[in-house]
Amino acid sequence: MQVTQRLPYLWDYDLDQMQFREILNGHLTKGQLNQDWAACRLLEYAPYAVIFNTVYQTIWIISSTMIIVLAYGWSGLFRHLTTVHSLKNLAKSRIS
């Protein structure tokens, strides 16, 4: 059995790196932990380099539409208002 690393931004969940990646990719749901939760958790708690590498590796293309969904559709899922404000400012700059 392969041992996978625990991620520091998942300190309060019993998930390893492989499980988190499966949830993030939409292939696994554990109770209320779904793809929306994983994306929000990544954006809110992971270091910028991890966010960038994850987005790059999974070939996500963050278009204006996706940023608007993140900023307004998921705003209630983020714990920190600074994350919401940053995404809303980014969305506004993409719309203009």
C-alpha atoms as a PDB file:
ATOM      1  CA  MET A   1       0.000   0.000   0.000  1.00  0.00           C
ATOM      2  CA  GLN A   2       1.307   3.444  -0.926  1.00  0.00           C
ATOM      3  CA  VAL A   3       1.630   5.944   1.927  1.00  0.00           C
ATOM      4  CA  THR A   4       0.524   9.434   0.953  1.00  0.00           C
ATOM      5  CA  GLN A   5       1.422  12.669   2.621  1.00  0.00           C
ATOM      6  CA  ARG A   6      -0.886  14.637   4.921  1.00  0.00           C
ATOM      7  CA  LEU A   7      -1.378  18.175   3.697  1.00  0.00           C
ATOM      8  CA  PRO A   8      -0.816  21.017   6.192  1.00  0.00           C
ATOM      9  CA  TYR A   9      -3.887  22.925   4.981  1.00  0.00           C
ATOM     10  CA  LEU A  10      -6.062  19.935   5.947  1.00  0.00           C
ATOM     11  CA  TRP A  11      -4.940  19.915   9.579  1.00  0.00           C
ATOM     12  CA  ASP A  12      -8.470  19.450  10.890  1.00  0.00           C
ATOM     13  CA  TYR A  13      -9.548  16.617   8.559  1.00  0.00           C
ATOM     14  CA  ASP A  14      -8.458  12.995   8.383  1.00  0.00           C
ATOM     15  CA  LEU A  15      -7.618  13.128   4.673  1.00  0.00           C
ATOM     16  CA  ASP A  16      -4.394  12.365   2.880  1.00  0.00           C
ATOM     17  CA  GLN A  17      -3.129  13.972  -0.308  1.00  0.00           C
ATOM     18  CA  MET A  18      -4.618  11.306  -2.600  1.00  0.00           C
ATOM     19  CA  GLN A  19      -8.098  11.544  -1.033  1.00  0.00           C
ATOM     20  CA  PHE A  20      -8.047  15.339  -1.234  1.00  0.00           C
ATOM     21  CA  ARG A  21      -7.018  15.204  -4.894  1.00  0.00           C
ATOM     22  CA  GLU A  22      -9.862  12.747  -5.628  1.00  0.00           C
ATOM     23  CA  ILE A  23     -12.378  15.058  -3.918  1.00  0.00           C
ATOM     24  CA  LEU A  24     -10.953  18.078  -5.743  1.00  0.00           C
ATOM     25  CA  ASN A  25     -11.239  16.288  -9.079  1.00  0.00           C
ATOM     26  CA  GLY A  26     -14.862  15.342  -8.340  1.00  0.00           C
ATOM     27  CA  HIS A  27     -14.219  11.585  -8.128  1.00  0.00           C
ATOM     28  CA  LEU A  28     -14.886  11.215  -4.387  1.00  0.00           C
ATOM     29  CA  THR A  29     -17.292  12.672  -1.846  1.00  0.00           C
ATOM     30  CA  LYS A  30     -16.943  12.064   1.891  1.00  0.00           C
ATOM     31  CA  GLY A  31     -20.064  13.253   3.679  1.00  0.00           C
ATOM     32  CA  GLN A  32     -20.235  17.005   3.117  1.00  0.00           C
ATOM     33  CA  LEU A  33     -16.715  17.118   1.711  1.00  0.00           C
ATOM     34  CA  ASN A  34     -17.266  17.558  -2.006  1.00  0.00           C
ATOM     35  CA  GLN A  35     -15.569  19.258  -4.922  1.00  0.00           C
ATOM     36  CA  ASP A  36     -16.837  22.723  -3.955  1.00  0.00           C
ATOM     37  CA  TRP A  37     -15.475  22.281  -0.427  1.00  0.00           C
ATOM     38  CA  ALA A  38     -12.096  21.081  -1.729  1.00  0.00           C
ATOM     39  CA  ALA A  39     -11.729  23.983  -4.155  1.00  0.00           C
ATOM     40  CA  CYS A  40     -12.617  26.503  -1.453  1.00  0.00           C
ATOM     41  CA  ARG A  41     -10.277  24.841   1.039  1.00  0.00           C
ATOM     42  CA  LEU A  42      -7.433  24.928  -1.459  1.00  0.00           C
ATOM     43  CA  LEU A  43      -7.996  28.589  -2.359  1.00  0.00           C
ATOM     44  CA  GLU A  44      -8.407  29.690   1.235  1.00  0.00           C
ATOM     45  CA  TYR A  45      -5.730  27.773   3.135  1.00  0.00           C
ATOM     46  CA  ALA A  46      -3.081  26.439   0.760  1.00  0.00           C
ATOM     47  CA  PRO A  47       0.054  28.443  -0.020  1.00  0.00           C
ATOM     48  CA  TYR A  48      -0.013  30.314  -3.315  1.00  0.00           C
ATOM     49  CA  ALA A  49       2.573  28.006  -4.894  1.00  0.00           C
ATOM     50  CA  VAL A  50       0.411  24.964  -4.083  1.00  0.00           C
ATOM     51  CA  ILE A  51      -2.673  26.649  -5.531  1.00  0.00           C
ATOM     52  CA  PHE A  52      -0.815  27.558  -8.712  1.00  0.00           C
ATOM     53  CA  ASN A  53       0.710  24.090  -9.131  1.00  0.00           C
ATOM     54  CA  THR A  54      -2.624  22.370  -8.465  1.00  0.00           C
ATOM     55  CA  VAL A  55      -4.425  24.522 -10.990  1.00  0.00           C
ATOM     56  CA  TYR A  56      -1.636  24.002 -13.518  1.00  0.00           C
ATOM     57  CA  GLN A  57      -1.423  20.232 -12.979  1.00  0.00           C
ATOM     58  CA  THR A  58      -5.166  19.674 -13.287  1.00  0.00           C
ATOM     59  CA  ILE A  59      -5.290  21.989 -16.319  1.00  0.00           C
ATOM     60  CA  TRP A  60      -7.997  24.247 -14.942  1.00  0.00           C
ATOM     61  CA  ILE A  61      -8.538  27.303 -17.067  1.00  0.00           C
ATOM     62  CA  ILE A  62      -9.755  30.081 -14.812  1.00  0.00           C
ATOM     63  CA  SER A  63     -11.918  32.125 -17.114  1.00  0.00           C
ATOM     64  CA  SER A  64     -13.899  35.206 -16.215  1.00  0.00           C
ATOM     65  CA  THR A  65     -16.973  33.040 -15.699  1.00  0.00           C
ATOM     66  CA  MET A  66     -15.183  30.725 -13.257  1.00  0.00           C
ATOM     67  CA  ILE A  67     -13.831  33.646 -11.245  1.00  0.00           C
ATOM     68  CA  ILE A  68     -17.334  35.110 -10.988  1.00  0.00           C
ATOM     69  CA  VAL A  69     -18.660  31.738  -9.784  1.00  0.00           C
ATOM     70  CA  LEU A  70     -15.874  31.555  -7.202  1.00  0.00           C
ATOM     71  CA  ALA A  71     -16.437  35.097  -6.010  1.00  0.00           C
ATOM     72  CA  TYR A  72     -20.214  35.151  -5.853  1.00  0.00           C
ATOM     73  CA  GLY A  73     -21.460  31.563  -6.010  1.00  0.00           C
ATOM     74  CA  TRP A  74     -19.095  30.187  -3.378  1.00  0.00           C
ATOM     75  CA  SER A  75     -18.658  33.290  -1.227  1.00  0.00           C
ATOM     76  CA  GLY A  76     -20.670  31.720   1.618  1.00  0.00           C
ATOM     77  CA  LEU A  77     -18.283  28.764   1.748  1.00  0.00           C
ATOM     78  CA  PHE A  78     -15.163  30.813   2.492  1.00  0.00           C
ATOM     79  CA  ARG A  79     -14.309  31.475   6.135  1.00  0.00           C
ATOM     80  CA  HIS A  80     -12.164  34.542   5.501  1.00  0.00           C
ATOM     81  CA  LEU A  81     -13.677  37.682   4.061  1.00  0.00           C
ATOM     82  CA  THR A  82     -10.336  38.648   2.540  1.00  0.00           C
ATOM     83  CA  THR A  83     -10.597  35.643   0.216  1.00  0.00           C
ATOM     84  CA  VAL A  84     -14.076  36.707  -0.887  1.00  0.00           C
ATOM     85  CA  HIS A  85     -13.019  40.339  -1.370  1.00  0.00           C
ATOM     86  CA  SER A  86      -9.945  39.301  -3.370  1.00  0.00           C
ATOM     87  CA  LEU A  87     -12.000  37.083  -5.672  1.00  0.00           C
ATOM     88  CA  LYS A  88     -14.666  39.764  -6.129  1.00  0.00           C
ATOM     89  CA  ASN A  89     -12.002  42.336  -7.025  1.00  0.00           C
ATOM     90  CA  LEU A  90     -10.468  39.894  -9.497  1.00  0.00           C
ATOM     91  CA  ALA A  91     -13.909  39.212 -10.998  1.00  0.00           C
ATOM     92  CA  LYS A  92     -14.591  42.936 -11.357  1.00  0.00           C
ATOM     93  CA  SER A  93     -11.260  43.458 -13.094  1.00  0.00           C
ATOM     94  CA  ARG A  94     -12.028  40.626 -15.532  1.00  0.00           C
ATOM     95  CA  ILE A  95     -15.482  42.050 -16.339  1.00  0.00           C
ATOM     96  CA  SER A  96     -14.206  45.566 -17.023  1.00  0.00           C
END
